[in-house]
Protein backbone atom coordinates (compact mmCIF):
# COMPACT_ATOMS: atom_id res chain seq x y z
CA MET A 1 84.99 75.50 40.43
CA SER A 2 83.61 79.00 41.04
CA ARG A 3 87.02 80.53 41.79
CA THR A 4 88.39 78.99 38.55
CA ALA A 5 85.50 80.39 36.54
CA GLU A 6 86.09 83.89 37.92
CA SER A 7 89.73 83.70 36.98
CA ARG A 8 88.91 82.72 33.43
CA SER A 9 86.34 85.51 33.04
CA ALA A 10 88.70 88.13 34.42
CA ALA A 11 91.45 87.02 32.06
CA GLN A 12 89.27 87.82 29.02
CA PHE A 13 89.20 91.54 29.80
CA GLY A 14 91.92 94.15 29.78
CA PRO A 15 92.51 97.01 32.18
CA GLU A 16 90.80 99.43 29.78
CA ASP A 17 87.33 97.84 29.99
CA GLY A 18 86.99 97.88 33.79
CA ALA A 19 87.82 94.23 34.33
CA GLY A 20 90.70 95.25 36.58
CA GLU A 21 88.30 96.78 39.09
CA ALA A 22 86.10 93.72 39.02
CA ARG A 23 89.16 91.53 39.29
CA GLY A 24 90.35 93.36 42.45
CA ALA A 25 86.92 93.77 44.15
CA ALA A 26 85.99 90.12 44.40
CA PRO A 27 89.19 88.91 46.11
CA ARG A 28 89.05 91.82 48.57
CA GLY A 29 85.50 90.89 49.46
CA ARG A 30 86.49 87.30 50.11
CA ARG A 31 89.46 88.32 52.29
CA LEU A 32 87.34 90.68 54.42
CA HIS A 33 84.76 87.95 54.89
CA SER A 34 87.41 85.49 56.11
CA ARG A 35 88.86 88.02 58.59
CA ARG A 36 85.47 88.71 60.18
CA GLY A 37 84.43 85.06 60.33
CA GLY A 38 87.32 82.66 60.67
CA PRO A 39 89.75 84.57 62.95
CA ARG A 40 86.93 85.71 65.29
CA SER A 41 85.72 82.13 65.66
CA THR A 42 89.29 81.03 66.23
CA ARG A 43 89.75 83.65 68.96
CA TRP A 44 86.64 82.45 70.79
CA GLY A 45 87.82 78.86 70.43
CA ARG A 46 91.20 79.75 71.89
CA ARG A 47 89.59 81.59 74.81
CA LEU A 48 87.38 78.60 75.52
CA LEU A 49 90.37 76.27 75.48
CA GLU A 50 92.29 78.63 77.78
CA TRP A 51 89.43 78.65 80.31
CA VAL A 52 89.12 74.87 80.16
CA ALA A 53 92.86 74.59 80.78
CA VAL A 54 92.72 77.04 83.71
CA ILE A 55 89.82 75.16 85.32
CA ALA A 56 91.53 71.81 84.80
CA VAL A 57 94.78 73.05 86.35
CA ALA A 58 92.92 74.62 89.30
CA ALA A 59 91.05 71.36 89.91
CA LEU A 60 94.30 69.39 89.75
CA VAL A 61 96.01 71.75 92.19
CA ALA A 62 93.05 71.48 94.58
CA VAL A 63 93.21 67.68 94.46
CA LEU A 64 96.98 67.67 95.01
CA ILE A 65 96.69 70.09 97.95
CA ARG A 66 93.94 68.03 99.56
CA THR A 67 95.82 64.77 98.98
CA PHE A 68 99.33 65.79 99.93
CA ALA A 69 99.35 69.17 101.71
CA ILE A 70 96.29 70.44 103.61
CA GLU A 71 92.95 68.89 104.43
CA ALA A 72 89.92 70.24 106.29
CA TYR A 73 88.14 68.18 108.93
CA TYR A 74 84.86 68.50 110.79
CA VAL A 75 84.84 67.96 114.57
CA PRO A 76 81.80 65.79 115.42
CA SER A 77 82.23 65.28 119.16
CA GLY A 78 83.20 67.09 122.35
CA SER A 79 86.20 64.96 123.35
CA MET A 80 88.58 67.87 122.66
CA GLU A 81 86.51 70.59 124.36
CA PRO A 82 87.05 73.37 125.12
CA THR A 83 89.96 73.60 122.63
CA LEU A 84 87.94 72.12 119.77
CA GLN A 85 84.18 72.35 119.86
CA VAL A 86 81.48 70.35 118.13
CA GLY A 87 81.01 71.68 114.60
CA ASP A 88 84.47 73.23 114.30
CA ARG A 89 86.28 73.00 110.96
CA ILE A 90 90.00 72.45 111.37
CA LEU A 91 92.93 72.38 108.95
CA VAL A 92 95.51 69.61 109.06
CA ASP A 93 99.04 69.85 107.68
CA LYS A 94 99.66 66.62 105.77
CA ALA A 95 102.79 67.72 103.92
CA PHE A 96 105.33 68.05 106.72
CA VAL A 97 104.61 65.27 109.21
CA SER A 98 107.83 64.43 111.06
CA LYS A 99 108.99 63.56 114.54
CA GLY A 100 109.81 67.23 115.09
CA SER A 101 106.24 68.28 114.28
CA LEU A 102 104.73 65.75 116.69
CA GLY A 103 105.93 67.05 120.04
CA ASP A 104 104.06 66.80 123.32
CA GLY A 105 100.95 68.96 123.31
CA THR A 106 100.44 68.79 119.52
CA ILE A 107 96.87 68.20 118.35
CA VAL A 108 96.79 65.54 115.63
CA VAL A 109 94.32 63.78 113.36
CA PHE A 110 94.97 60.06 112.98
CA ALA A 111 93.37 56.93 111.58
CA HIS A 112 91.02 55.10 113.88
CA PRO A 113 93.11 52.78 116.09
CA PRO A 114 92.50 49.04 115.73
CA GLY A 115 92.34 48.73 119.51
CA ASP A 116 89.05 50.66 119.57
CA ARG A 117 86.62 47.79 119.16
CA PRO A 118 82.85 47.76 119.72
CA GLY A 119 82.18 48.08 123.42
CA VAL A 120 85.41 50.01 124.11
CA CYS A 121 84.24 53.45 123.00
CA ASP A 122 81.01 54.96 121.71
CA ASP A 123 82.01 55.39 118.05
CA PRO A 124 84.34 52.62 116.86
CA GLU A 125 83.21 53.19 113.23
CA ALA A 126 84.68 56.71 112.94
CA LYS A 127 87.30 56.85 110.20
CA ASP A 128 89.60 59.44 111.77
CA LEU A 129 90.00 60.85 115.28
CA VAL A 130 91.49 64.04 116.71
CA LYS A 131 93.36 64.07 120.04
CA ARG A 132 96.39 65.69 121.67
CA ILE A 133 99.81 64.04 121.97
CA VAL A 134 100.70 63.73 125.64
CA ALA A 135 103.77 61.51 125.44
CA GLY A 136 106.02 60.32 122.62
CA PRO A 137 108.24 57.32 121.83
CA GLY A 138 110.42 56.19 124.75
CA GLN A 139 108.77 58.48 127.32
CA THR A 140 107.14 57.21 130.50
CA ILE A 141 103.68 58.41 131.46
CA ARG A 142 101.43 57.99 134.48
CA SER A 143 98.86 59.97 136.43
CA VAL A 144 98.62 60.98 140.07
CA GLY A 145 95.18 62.30 140.88
CA ASN A 146 94.32 64.72 138.08
CA ALA A 147 97.96 65.41 137.21
CA VAL A 148 99.77 63.76 134.31
CA TYR A 149 103.47 62.90 134.73
CA VAL A 150 105.78 62.43 131.73
CA ASP A 151 109.28 61.14 132.46
CA GLY A 152 108.58 61.71 136.15
CA ARG A 153 107.70 65.40 135.78
CA PRO A 154 104.17 66.83 136.22
CA GLN A 155 102.91 68.51 133.07
CA ALA A 156 101.68 72.11 133.23
CA GLU A 157 99.16 71.54 130.40
CA THR A 158 98.26 75.21 130.16
CA TYR A 159 95.84 74.40 127.33
CA LEU A 160 93.45 72.80 129.85
CA PRO A 161 91.00 74.77 132.00
CA LYS A 162 92.01 75.02 135.64
CA GLY A 163 90.54 72.19 137.70
CA THR A 164 90.15 69.76 134.78
CA VAL A 165 89.22 66.31 136.06
CA LEU A 166 91.29 63.49 134.59
CA GLY A 167 88.72 60.75 134.69
CA ARG A 168 90.20 57.32 133.95
CA PRO A 169 93.72 57.14 135.47
CA ILE A 170 96.91 56.36 133.53
CA PRO A 171 98.94 53.43 134.85
CA LEU A 172 102.73 53.78 134.67
CA GLN A 173 103.94 52.75 131.22
CA THR A 174 106.60 53.46 128.63
CA VAL A 175 105.46 54.55 125.18
CA PRO A 176 106.88 52.10 122.60
CA LYS A 177 109.17 53.21 119.80
CA GLY A 178 107.31 54.74 116.87
CA ARG A 179 104.13 55.25 118.90
CA TYR A 180 102.33 58.08 120.73
CA PHE A 181 100.07 58.34 123.77
CA VAL A 182 97.14 60.67 122.97
CA MET A 183 94.25 62.06 125.00
CA GLY A 184 91.35 64.43 124.52
CA ASP A 185 91.29 67.74 126.37
CA ASN A 186 87.88 66.83 127.75
CA ARG A 187 89.66 64.27 129.92
CA ALA A 188 86.69 62.88 131.85
CA GLU A 189 84.69 62.25 128.65
CA SER A 190 87.40 61.41 126.11
CA CYS A 191 87.96 57.86 124.88
CA ASP A 192 91.66 57.77 124.03
CA SER A 193 94.95 55.95 124.65
CA ARG A 194 93.81 55.13 128.17
CA TYR A 195 91.23 52.82 126.58
CA TRP A 196 92.69 51.56 123.31
CA GLY A 197 96.43 52.10 123.74
CA THR A 198 99.02 54.12 121.88
CA ILE A 199 98.82 54.99 118.19
CA THR A 200 101.48 54.45 115.52
CA ALA A 201 103.35 57.32 113.90
CA ARG A 202 102.28 55.95 110.54
CA SER A 203 98.60 56.32 111.42
CA ILE A 204 98.94 60.08 112.01
CA VAL A 205 97.48 62.15 109.16
CA GLY A 206 99.07 65.36 110.44
CA PRO A 207 99.04 68.09 113.08
CA VAL A 208 96.12 70.49 113.36
CA PHE A 209 97.35 74.02 112.67
CA ALA A 210 94.16 76.12 112.52
CA ILE A 211 90.47 76.38 113.29
CA VAL A 212 88.68 78.12 110.41
CA TRP A 213 84.99 77.71 111.32
CA ARG A 214 83.03 77.86 114.59
CA HIS A 215 79.41 78.52 115.56
CA ASP A 216 78.26 78.56 111.91
CA HIS A 217 80.58 81.33 110.77
CA PRO A 218 84.27 81.86 109.88
CA TRP A 219 86.46 81.86 112.96
CA LEU A 220 90.25 81.81 112.71
CA HIS A 221 92.57 80.48 115.39
CA TRP A 222 96.16 79.29 114.83
CA PHE A 223 97.97 76.56 116.77
């Protein structure tokens, strides 16, 4: 209604009585007001939407990475000492788990084996465990004294400190197809395949490829 009234009033005057100036001033004032108000608010709105989109995408990528690619784990016990120590944070590769990535000597995180029942080991309620693959599908394994033999050959196991005591012996056995024999590096203290048997390939979350935290500060070591 107001814009219509202005148009009617302006139409009653000619250029000679100054109505032209009045007619031009009012629209310019309204246009300047809209440029300073509307577009600026729109720009802030767009920036806010852009930031929301960036945060949403970053959160989605983080979830996808954690679910399908890389996951961090906390080491709660000393069964893998001295390689992994209590309190270490390790990274596990979940994206490329294959038979080729699960060779002898590989440290892996896996789901708690069903054979570990109350009374077998100290912590049968743990969701996931971390141990080292010692023998794979179809291989034979046994121990003689403190030495571990795979397919009849003694293993060098250079990752163990010299003079490591085996603890519970390994009777001669063949690892079934699709399964792995795992042990902790702290052989005398580790509860592993010697107690609850081999683990399935399907239960393996992935190989450990790095330590990123030790002794309450960042500490990087690659495997």
